[in-house]
Amino acid sequence: MTTFLARCGAKYIVALGAAGLMTSTPGHAVIPHDLAAGVETLAPVAKPNFAPVEAIAPVEAEPAFEHLADGEASYYGRELAGNRTASGERFNPGGLTAAHRTLPLGTKLKVTNKSNGKSVVVRINDRGPFIKKRLIDVSLGAAQQIGMVSAGHAMVRLEMLR
């Protein structure tokens, strides 16, 4: 069995044979002469020269969004609470969800109220709206975050999460 010894400040690493004995630098061997025949001296090893690593705070990148459309949004509230959505889940008025006619269920959209600049990210979990000029129906929770509850509808910008 070969053993490796690396001592602080040592100029050599010495591989020892089956005897399992150790040595430090040449000239300071602790191996008896009758066992020294199984010892092989390797090349000098330089001390690693590492600079101290400073803590780096992780940088969270802004999610990338792709502009889809601008149009009118409305919201649906407590009256539909508990009903099944097109995705099969129960509607939660406080959740951040929305209904869109054609986008795949599960799509995430950034909805920005154009009158005040407030935004929210919603997940499409239902179909609608069923009023022709409306682009999207958002949940009550999402409507509250973008400040459109009092008016009942708002002009919005839709951006899809890439």
N, C-alpha and C. Protein backbone atom coordinates (compact mmCIF):
# COMPACT_ATOMS: atom_id res chain seq x y z
N MET A 1 0.85 -1.18 0.00
CA MET A 1 0.00 0.00 0.00
C MET A 1 0.90 1.24 0.00
N THR A 2 0.59 2.18 -0.86
CA THR A 2 1.40 3.38 -0.98
C THR A 2 0.77 4.50 -0.17
N THR A 3 1.57 5.21 0.58
CA THR A 3 1.09 6.31 1.42
C THR A 3 1.72 7.60 0.93
N PHE A 4 0.96 8.71 0.95
CA PHE A 4 1.49 10.00 0.56
C PHE A 4 1.57 10.89 1.78
N LEU A 5 2.66 11.61 1.88
CA LEU A 5 2.84 12.55 2.98
C LEU A 5 3.10 13.92 2.39
N ALA A 6 2.28 14.85 2.76
CA ALA A 6 2.51 16.22 2.33
C ALA A 6 2.56 17.06 3.60
N ARG A 7 3.71 17.53 3.93
CA ARG A 7 3.86 18.32 5.15
C ARG A 7 4.01 19.78 4.76
N CYS A 8 3.53 20.66 5.63
CA CYS A 8 3.65 22.10 5.39
C CYS A 8 5.12 22.46 5.26
N GLY A 9 5.47 23.13 4.19
CA GLY A 9 6.84 23.56 3.97
C GLY A 9 7.73 22.47 3.41
N ALA A 10 7.24 21.24 3.25
CA ALA A 10 8.07 20.17 2.71
C ALA A 10 8.34 20.45 1.23
N LYS A 11 9.55 20.09 0.78
CA LYS A 11 9.91 20.34 -0.61
C LYS A 11 9.57 19.15 -1.49
N TYR A 12 9.28 18.00 -0.89
CA TYR A 12 9.04 16.80 -1.68
C TYR A 12 7.87 16.02 -1.11
N ILE A 13 7.21 15.31 -2.00
CA ILE A 13 6.23 14.33 -1.56
C ILE A 13 6.90 12.98 -1.74
N VAL A 14 6.84 12.18 -0.72
CA VAL A 14 7.52 10.89 -0.78
C VAL A 14 6.47 9.79 -0.79
N ALA A 15 6.57 8.94 -1.78
CA ALA A 15 5.66 7.81 -1.85
C ALA A 15 6.33 6.65 -1.13
N LEU A 16 5.65 6.11 -0.17
CA LEU A 16 6.24 5.04 0.62
C LEU A 16 5.68 3.71 0.17
N GLY A 17 6.50 2.70 0.27
CA GLY A 17 6.11 1.35 -0.11
C GLY A 17 5.22 0.71 0.92
N ALA A 18 5.15 -0.58 0.86
CA ALA A 18 4.25 -1.34 1.71
C ALA A 18 4.57 -1.20 3.19
N ALA A 19 5.75 -0.71 3.54
CA ALA A 19 6.12 -0.57 4.94
C ALA A 19 5.27 0.49 5.63
N GLY A 20 4.74 1.45 4.86
CA GLY A 20 3.88 2.48 5.43
C GLY A 20 4.63 3.48 6.29
N LEU A 21 5.94 3.56 6.16
CA LEU A 21 6.72 4.51 6.94
C LEU A 21 6.73 5.86 6.25
N MET A 22 7.07 6.93 7.00
CA MET A 22 7.04 8.27 6.44
C MET A 22 8.40 8.91 6.50
N THR A 23 8.59 9.91 5.64
CA THR A 23 9.79 10.73 5.68
C THR A 23 9.38 12.17 5.38
N SER A 24 10.24 13.10 5.65
CA SER A 24 9.93 14.49 5.34
C SER A 24 10.79 14.92 4.17
N THR A 25 11.73 15.83 4.36
CA THR A 25 12.58 16.30 3.28
C THR A 25 13.82 15.43 3.18
N PRO A 26 14.49 15.46 2.01
CA PRO A 26 15.72 14.66 1.89
C PRO A 26 16.74 15.08 2.95
N GLY A 27 17.45 14.12 3.49
CA GLY A 27 18.42 14.39 4.54
C GLY A 27 17.84 14.27 5.93
N HIS A 28 16.52 14.15 6.03
CA HIS A 28 15.85 13.98 7.31
C HIS A 28 15.00 12.72 7.29
N ALA A 29 15.46 11.70 6.65
CA ALA A 29 14.68 10.48 6.50
C ALA A 29 14.53 9.79 7.84
N VAL A 30 13.34 9.23 8.05
CA VAL A 30 13.09 8.46 9.25
C VAL A 30 12.92 6.99 8.90
N ILE A 31 13.32 6.63 7.68
CA ILE A 31 13.21 5.26 7.22
C ILE A 31 14.52 4.53 7.49
N PRO A 32 14.45 3.36 8.12
CA PRO A 32 15.68 2.59 8.32
C PRO A 32 16.31 2.25 6.97
N HIS A 33 17.66 2.14 6.92
CA HIS A 33 18.37 1.90 5.66
C HIS A 33 17.94 0.62 4.98
N ASP A 34 17.58 -0.42 5.72
CA ASP A 34 17.20 -1.67 5.09
C ASP A 34 15.85 -1.59 4.39
N LEU A 35 14.98 -0.58 4.69
CA LEU A 35 13.67 -0.42 4.04
C LEU A 35 13.68 0.68 2.99
N ALA A 36 14.74 1.49 2.92
CA ALA A 36 14.77 2.65 2.02
C ALA A 36 14.74 2.26 0.56
N ALA A 37 15.01 1.03 0.21
CA ALA A 37 15.02 0.60 -1.18
C ALA A 37 13.63 0.72 -1.82
N GLY A 38 12.54 0.63 -1.05
CA GLY A 38 11.19 0.69 -1.60
C GLY A 38 10.62 2.10 -1.69
N VAL A 39 11.45 3.11 -1.41
CA VAL A 39 10.98 4.49 -1.38
C VAL A 39 11.32 5.18 -2.69
N GLU A 40 10.33 5.88 -3.24
CA GLU A 40 10.54 6.62 -4.48
C GLU A 40 10.28 8.10 -4.19
N THR A 41 11.23 8.97 -4.57
CA THR A 41 11.07 10.40 -4.35
C THR A 41 10.48 11.02 -5.61
N LEU A 42 9.46 11.83 -5.42
CA LEU A 42 8.80 12.49 -6.55
C LEU A 42 9.30 13.92 -6.70
N ALA A 43 8.88 14.57 -7.77
CA ALA A 43 9.32 15.93 -8.07
C ALA A 43 8.80 16.91 -7.01
N PRO A 44 9.51 18.03 -6.84
CA PRO A 44 9.05 19.05 -5.89
C PRO A 44 7.66 19.56 -6.27
N VAL A 45 6.91 19.91 -5.28
CA VAL A 45 5.56 20.42 -5.50
C VAL A 45 5.52 21.86 -5.01
N ALA A 46 5.03 22.76 -5.89
CA ALA A 46 4.94 24.17 -5.51
C ALA A 46 3.72 24.39 -4.63
N LYS A 47 3.86 25.35 -3.72
CA LYS A 47 2.72 25.70 -2.89
C LYS A 47 1.69 26.42 -3.76
N PRO A 48 0.42 26.13 -3.57
CA PRO A 48 -0.58 26.84 -4.36
C PRO A 48 -0.59 28.32 -3.99
N ASN A 49 -0.79 29.16 -4.98
CA ASN A 49 -0.81 30.60 -4.76
C ASN A 49 -2.23 31.08 -5.07
N PHE A 50 -3.09 31.01 -4.07
CA PHE A 50 -4.48 31.40 -4.24
C PHE A 50 -4.72 32.75 -3.59
N ALA A 51 -5.41 33.61 -4.31
CA ALA A 51 -5.83 34.88 -3.73
C ALA A 51 -7.07 34.63 -2.90
N PRO A 52 -7.28 35.36 -1.83
CA PRO A 52 -8.50 35.16 -1.04
C PRO A 52 -9.74 35.47 -1.88
N VAL A 53 -10.73 34.67 -1.70
CA VAL A 53 -11.97 34.84 -2.45
C VAL A 53 -12.92 35.70 -1.63
N GLU A 54 -13.39 36.77 -2.24
CA GLU A 54 -14.34 37.64 -1.56
C GLU A 54 -15.75 37.10 -1.77
N ALA A 55 -16.59 37.32 -0.80
CA ALA A 55 -17.97 36.89 -0.94
C ALA A 55 -18.63 37.73 -2.01
N ILE A 56 -19.29 37.06 -2.93
CA ILE A 56 -19.97 37.75 -4.02
C ILE A 56 -21.45 37.49 -3.87
N ALA A 57 -22.22 38.55 -3.79
CA ALA A 57 -23.67 38.41 -3.66
C ALA A 57 -24.23 37.93 -5.00
N PRO A 58 -25.13 36.95 -4.97
CA PRO A 58 -25.71 36.47 -6.23
C PRO A 58 -26.53 37.58 -6.88
N VAL A 59 -26.42 37.66 -8.18
CA VAL A 59 -27.18 38.67 -8.92
C VAL A 59 -28.36 37.96 -9.56
N GLU A 60 -29.53 38.40 -9.17
CA GLU A 60 -30.73 37.81 -9.74
C GLU A 60 -31.14 38.63 -10.95
N ALA A 61 -31.16 38.01 -12.09
CA ALA A 61 -31.50 38.70 -13.32
C ALA A 61 -33.01 38.91 -13.39
N GLU A 62 -33.39 40.00 -14.01
CA GLU A 62 -34.80 40.25 -14.25
C GLU A 62 -35.31 39.19 -15.22
N PRO A 63 -36.50 38.66 -14.98
CA PRO A 63 -37.03 37.71 -15.95
C PRO A 63 -37.23 38.39 -17.30
N ALA A 64 -37.01 37.66 -18.37
CA ALA A 64 -37.16 38.22 -19.71
C ALA A 64 -38.60 38.04 -20.17
N PHE A 65 -39.20 39.11 -20.64
CA PHE A 65 -40.58 39.07 -21.11
C PHE A 65 -40.63 39.51 -22.57
N GLU A 66 -41.55 38.93 -23.31
CA GLU A 66 -41.76 39.25 -24.71
C GLU A 66 -43.12 39.90 -24.86
N HIS A 67 -43.17 41.09 -25.45
CA HIS A 67 -44.43 41.82 -25.60
C HIS A 67 -45.39 41.03 -26.49
N LEU A 68 -46.61 40.85 -26.01
CA LEU A 68 -47.64 40.15 -26.79
C LEU A 68 -48.66 41.11 -27.37
N ALA A 69 -49.28 41.90 -26.50
CA ALA A 69 -50.37 42.76 -26.97
C ALA A 69 -50.70 43.81 -25.93
N ASP A 70 -51.40 44.84 -26.37
CA ASP A 70 -51.97 45.84 -25.50
C ASP A 70 -53.48 45.79 -25.71
N GLY A 71 -54.23 45.93 -24.64
CA GLY A 71 -55.67 45.89 -24.77
C GLY A 71 -56.35 46.05 -23.43
N GLU A 72 -57.64 45.78 -23.41
CA GLU A 72 -58.43 45.97 -22.21
C GLU A 72 -58.50 44.69 -21.39
N ALA A 73 -58.37 44.86 -20.09
CA ALA A 73 -58.48 43.74 -19.15
C ALA A 73 -59.64 43.99 -18.21
N SER A 74 -60.24 42.92 -17.76
CA SER A 74 -61.25 42.99 -16.71
C SER A 74 -60.85 41.96 -15.66
N TYR A 75 -61.63 41.89 -14.59
CA TYR A 75 -61.30 40.88 -13.58
C TYR A 75 -62.57 40.15 -13.16
N TYR A 76 -62.39 38.96 -12.66
CA TYR A 76 -63.49 38.20 -12.11
C TYR A 76 -63.17 37.91 -10.66
N GLY A 77 -64.20 38.00 -9.83
CA GLY A 77 -63.95 37.99 -8.40
C GLY A 77 -64.56 36.85 -7.65
N ARG A 78 -65.08 37.16 -6.49
CA ARG A 78 -65.54 36.16 -5.53
C ARG A 78 -66.72 35.33 -6.00
N GLU A 79 -67.51 35.86 -6.93
CA GLU A 79 -68.71 35.14 -7.37
C GLU A 79 -68.39 33.79 -8.02
N LEU A 80 -67.17 33.60 -8.51
CA LEU A 80 -66.79 32.34 -9.15
C LEU A 80 -65.88 31.48 -8.27
N ALA A 81 -65.66 31.89 -7.04
CA ALA A 81 -64.76 31.17 -6.13
C ALA A 81 -65.18 29.71 -6.00
N GLY A 82 -64.21 28.83 -6.14
CA GLY A 82 -64.45 27.40 -5.99
C GLY A 82 -64.86 26.70 -7.27
N ASN A 83 -65.30 27.43 -8.28
CA ASN A 83 -65.65 26.80 -9.56
C ASN A 83 -64.39 26.24 -10.22
N ARG A 84 -64.56 25.21 -11.01
CA ARG A 84 -63.44 24.63 -11.75
C ARG A 84 -63.06 25.53 -12.91
N THR A 85 -61.75 25.71 -13.11
CA THR A 85 -61.26 26.48 -14.25
C THR A 85 -61.00 25.50 -15.40
N ALA A 86 -60.62 26.02 -16.55
CA ALA A 86 -60.32 25.17 -17.71
C ALA A 86 -59.15 24.22 -17.43
N SER A 87 -58.27 24.58 -16.50
CA SER A 87 -57.13 23.72 -16.17
C SER A 87 -57.53 22.60 -15.20
N GLY A 88 -58.75 22.70 -14.65
CA GLY A 88 -59.23 21.69 -13.71
C GLY A 88 -59.08 22.08 -12.25
N GLU A 89 -58.33 23.12 -11.98
CA GLU A 89 -58.17 23.55 -10.58
C GLU A 89 -59.35 24.42 -10.17
N ARG A 90 -59.55 24.57 -8.89
CA ARG A 90 -60.62 25.43 -8.39
C ARG A 90 -60.15 26.88 -8.41
N PHE A 91 -61.06 27.77 -8.80
CA PHE A 91 -60.72 29.19 -8.88
C PHE A 91 -60.56 29.78 -7.49
N ASN A 92 -59.43 30.46 -7.28
CA ASN A 92 -59.13 31.15 -6.03
C ASN A 92 -59.06 32.64 -6.36
N PRO A 93 -60.04 33.44 -5.92
CA PRO A 93 -60.04 34.86 -6.26
C PRO A 93 -58.78 35.60 -5.79
N GLY A 94 -58.15 35.16 -4.72
CA GLY A 94 -56.95 35.81 -4.21
C GLY A 94 -55.68 35.40 -4.92
N GLY A 95 -55.75 34.39 -5.76
CA GLY A 95 -54.57 33.91 -6.48
C GLY A 95 -54.18 34.85 -7.60
N LEU A 96 -53.01 34.63 -8.16
CA LEU A 96 -52.53 35.45 -9.28
C LEU A 96 -52.68 34.65 -10.57
N THR A 97 -53.92 34.56 -11.03
CA THR A 97 -54.24 33.77 -12.22
C THR A 97 -55.02 34.63 -13.20
N ALA A 98 -55.23 34.09 -14.40
CA ALA A 98 -55.94 34.83 -15.43
C ALA A 98 -56.57 33.88 -16.44
N ALA A 99 -57.49 34.44 -17.22
CA ALA A 99 -58.13 33.70 -18.31
C ALA A 99 -57.76 34.38 -19.62
N HIS A 100 -57.38 33.55 -20.60
CA HIS A 100 -57.06 34.05 -21.94
C HIS A 100 -57.66 33.08 -22.94
N ARG A 101 -58.07 33.58 -24.09
CA ARG A 101 -58.75 32.74 -25.08
C ARG A 101 -57.84 31.68 -25.71
N THR A 102 -56.59 32.03 -26.03
CA THR A 102 -55.77 31.13 -26.84
C THR A 102 -54.43 30.70 -26.25
N LEU A 103 -53.89 31.43 -25.32
CA LEU A 103 -52.58 31.06 -24.77
C LEU A 103 -52.66 29.72 -24.05
N PRO A 104 -51.60 28.92 -24.11
CA PRO A 104 -51.61 27.62 -23.43
C PRO A 104 -51.80 27.79 -21.92
N LEU A 105 -52.55 26.88 -21.33
CA LEU A 105 -52.72 26.87 -19.88
C LEU A 105 -51.34 26.70 -19.24
N GLY A 106 -51.10 27.45 -18.18
CA GLY A 106 -49.81 27.41 -17.50
C GLY A 106 -48.86 28.52 -17.95
N THR A 107 -49.20 29.22 -19.03
CA THR A 107 -48.36 30.32 -19.50
C THR A 107 -48.32 31.42 -18.45
N LYS A 108 -47.14 31.99 -18.24
CA LYS A 108 -47.01 33.11 -17.29
C LYS A 108 -46.90 34.41 -18.06
N LEU A 109 -47.72 35.38 -17.64
CA LEU A 109 -47.76 36.68 -18.28
C LEU A 109 -47.50 37.78 -17.27
N LYS A 110 -46.83 38.81 -17.72
CA LYS A 110 -46.71 40.04 -16.93
C LYS A 110 -47.80 40.97 -17.45
N VAL A 111 -48.68 41.39 -16.56
CA VAL A 111 -49.78 42.28 -16.91
C VAL A 111 -49.47 43.63 -16.27
N THR A 112 -49.37 44.67 -17.09
CA THR A 112 -49.04 46.01 -16.61
C THR A 112 -50.20 46.94 -16.88
N ASN A 113 -50.69 47.60 -15.84
CA ASN A 113 -51.75 48.60 -15.97
C ASN A 113 -51.09 49.83 -16.59
N LYS A 114 -51.53 50.21 -17.79
CA LYS A 114 -50.88 51.30 -18.51
C LYS A 114 -51.13 52.66 -17.86
N SER A 115 -52.19 52.81 -17.07
CA SER A 115 -52.48 54.11 -16.48
C SER A 115 -51.63 54.42 -15.25
N ASN A 116 -51.15 53.37 -14.54
CA ASN A 116 -50.36 53.63 -13.34
C ASN A 116 -49.00 52.92 -13.32
N GLY A 117 -48.73 52.08 -14.30
CA GLY A 117 -47.44 51.39 -14.40
C GLY A 117 -47.27 50.20 -13.49
N LYS A 118 -48.29 49.85 -12.69
CA LYS A 118 -48.18 48.70 -11.78
C LYS A 118 -48.29 47.40 -12.58
N SER A 119 -47.48 46.40 -12.16
CA SER A 119 -47.44 45.12 -12.86
C SER A 119 -47.63 43.96 -11.91
N VAL A 120 -48.07 42.85 -12.48
CA VAL A 120 -48.22 41.60 -11.75
C VAL A 120 -47.96 40.46 -12.73
N VAL A 121 -47.39 39.36 -12.23
CA VAL A 121 -47.21 38.16 -13.06
C VAL A 121 -48.31 37.19 -12.71
N VAL A 122 -49.05 36.76 -13.73
CA VAL A 122 -50.16 35.83 -13.55
C VAL A 122 -49.90 34.56 -14.35
N ARG A 123 -50.61 33.51 -13.99
CA ARG A 123 -50.54 32.23 -14.70
C ARG A 123 -51.90 31.97 -15.34
N ILE A 124 -51.89 31.63 -16.63
CA ILE A 124 -53.14 31.34 -17.33
C ILE A 124 -53.65 29.98 -16.87
N ASN A 125 -54.88 29.98 -16.29
CA ASN A 125 -55.46 28.71 -15.85
C ASN A 125 -56.91 28.55 -16.31
N ASP A 126 -57.39 29.50 -17.13
CA ASP A 126 -58.79 29.45 -17.56
C ASP A 126 -58.93 30.05 -18.95
N ARG A 127 -60.10 29.87 -19.54
CA ARG A 127 -60.43 30.42 -20.85
C ARG A 127 -61.35 31.61 -20.67
N GLY A 128 -61.25 32.56 -21.56
CA GLY A 128 -62.03 33.77 -21.52
C GLY A 128 -61.11 34.90 -21.93
N PRO A 129 -61.53 36.09 -21.83
CA PRO A 129 -62.84 36.59 -21.44
C PRO A 129 -63.86 36.38 -22.57
N PHE A 130 -65.12 36.45 -22.20
CA PHE A 130 -66.18 36.21 -23.16
C PHE A 130 -66.81 37.49 -23.67
N ILE A 131 -66.26 38.62 -23.31
CA ILE A 131 -66.64 39.91 -23.88
C ILE A 131 -65.64 40.19 -24.99
N LYS A 132 -66.13 40.40 -26.19
CA LYS A 132 -65.30 40.43 -27.39
C LYS A 132 -64.12 41.41 -27.32
N LYS A 133 -64.31 42.63 -26.83
CA LYS A 133 -63.23 43.62 -26.87
C LYS A 133 -62.19 43.43 -25.76
N ARG A 134 -62.41 42.54 -24.83
CA ARG A 134 -61.48 42.32 -23.72
C ARG A 134 -60.39 41.34 -24.13
N LEU A 135 -59.18 41.63 -23.69
CA LEU A 135 -58.01 40.82 -24.02
C LEU A 135 -57.76 39.72 -23.00
N ILE A 136 -58.01 40.03 -21.70
CA ILE A 136 -57.69 39.11 -20.62
C ILE A 136 -58.60 39.40 -19.43
N ASP A 137 -58.91 38.36 -18.68
CA ASP A 137 -59.58 38.49 -17.38
C ASP A 137 -58.57 38.06 -16.33
N VAL A 138 -58.34 38.90 -15.35
CA VAL A 138 -57.42 38.54 -14.27
C VAL A 138 -58.22 38.26 -13.00
N SER A 139 -57.62 37.55 -12.07
CA SER A 139 -58.27 37.27 -10.79
C SER A 139 -58.35 38.55 -9.96
N LEU A 140 -59.19 38.52 -8.93
CA LEU A 140 -59.33 39.66 -8.04
C LEU A 140 -57.98 40.03 -7.41
N GLY A 141 -57.22 39.03 -6.98
CA GLY A 141 -55.91 39.28 -6.36
C GLY A 141 -54.98 40.02 -7.30
N ALA A 142 -54.97 39.64 -8.57
CA ALA A 142 -54.12 40.31 -9.56
C ALA A 142 -54.65 41.72 -9.83
N ALA A 143 -55.95 41.87 -9.92
CA ALA A 143 -56.56 43.19 -10.16
C ALA A 143 -56.22 44.15 -9.03
N GLN A 144 -56.21 43.67 -7.81
CA GLN A 144 -55.86 44.52 -6.67
C GLN A 144 -54.41 44.99 -6.78
N GLN A 145 -53.52 44.10 -7.20
CA GLN A 145 -52.10 44.47 -7.27
C GLN A 145 -51.82 45.51 -8.34
N ILE A 146 -52.59 45.53 -9.41
CA ILE A 146 -52.33 46.52 -10.46
C ILE A 146 -53.30 47.71 -10.40
N GLY A 147 -54.14 47.76 -9.36
CA GLY A 147 -54.98 48.91 -9.13
C GLY A 147 -56.11 49.11 -10.12
N MET A 148 -56.82 48.04 -10.47
CA MET A 148 -57.93 48.18 -11.41
C MET A 148 -59.28 47.76 -10.83
N VAL A 149 -59.35 47.51 -9.53
CA VAL A 149 -60.58 47.01 -8.93
C VAL A 149 -61.68 48.07 -8.97
N SER A 150 -61.38 49.29 -8.62
CA SER A 150 -62.43 50.31 -8.55
C SER A 150 -63.05 50.58 -9.92
N ALA A 151 -62.25 50.59 -10.98
CA ALA A 151 -62.79 50.84 -12.32
C ALA A 151 -63.42 49.59 -12.92
N GLY A 152 -62.94 48.41 -12.52
CA GLY A 152 -63.48 47.16 -13.06
C GLY A 152 -62.79 46.70 -14.33
N HIS A 153 -62.08 47.59 -14.97
CA HIS A 153 -61.33 47.24 -16.18
C HIS A 153 -60.21 48.26 -16.35
N ALA A 154 -59.23 47.93 -17.20
CA ALA A 154 -58.10 48.83 -17.42
C ALA A 154 -57.42 48.47 -18.73
N MET A 155 -56.74 49.43 -19.31
CA MET A 155 -55.89 49.17 -20.47
C MET A 155 -54.57 48.60 -19.94
N VAL A 156 -54.18 47.47 -20.50
CA VAL A 156 -52.98 46.78 -20.00
C VAL A 156 -52.05 46.40 -21.15
N ARG A 157 -50.84 46.11 -20.76
CA ARG A 157 -49.84 45.58 -21.67
C ARG A 157 -49.57 44.15 -21.21
N LEU A 158 -49.60 43.19 -22.14
CA LEU A 158 -49.32 41.79 -21.83
C LEU A 158 -47.94 41.42 -22.37
N GLU A 159 -47.14 40.82 -21.49
CA GLU A 159 -45.82 40.33 -21.88
C GLU A 159 -45.69 38.90 -21.39
N MET A 160 -45.23 38.02 -22.27
CA MET A 160 -45.09 36.61 -21.91
C MET A 160 -43.69 36.34 -21.38
N LEU A 161 -43.62 35.57 -20.29
CA LEU A 161 -42.35 35.16 -19.71
C LEU A 161 -41.68 34.20 -20.68
N ARG A 162 -40.41 34.49 -21.03
CA ARG A 162 -39.69 33.60 -21.96
C ARG A 162 -39.02 32.49 -21.22
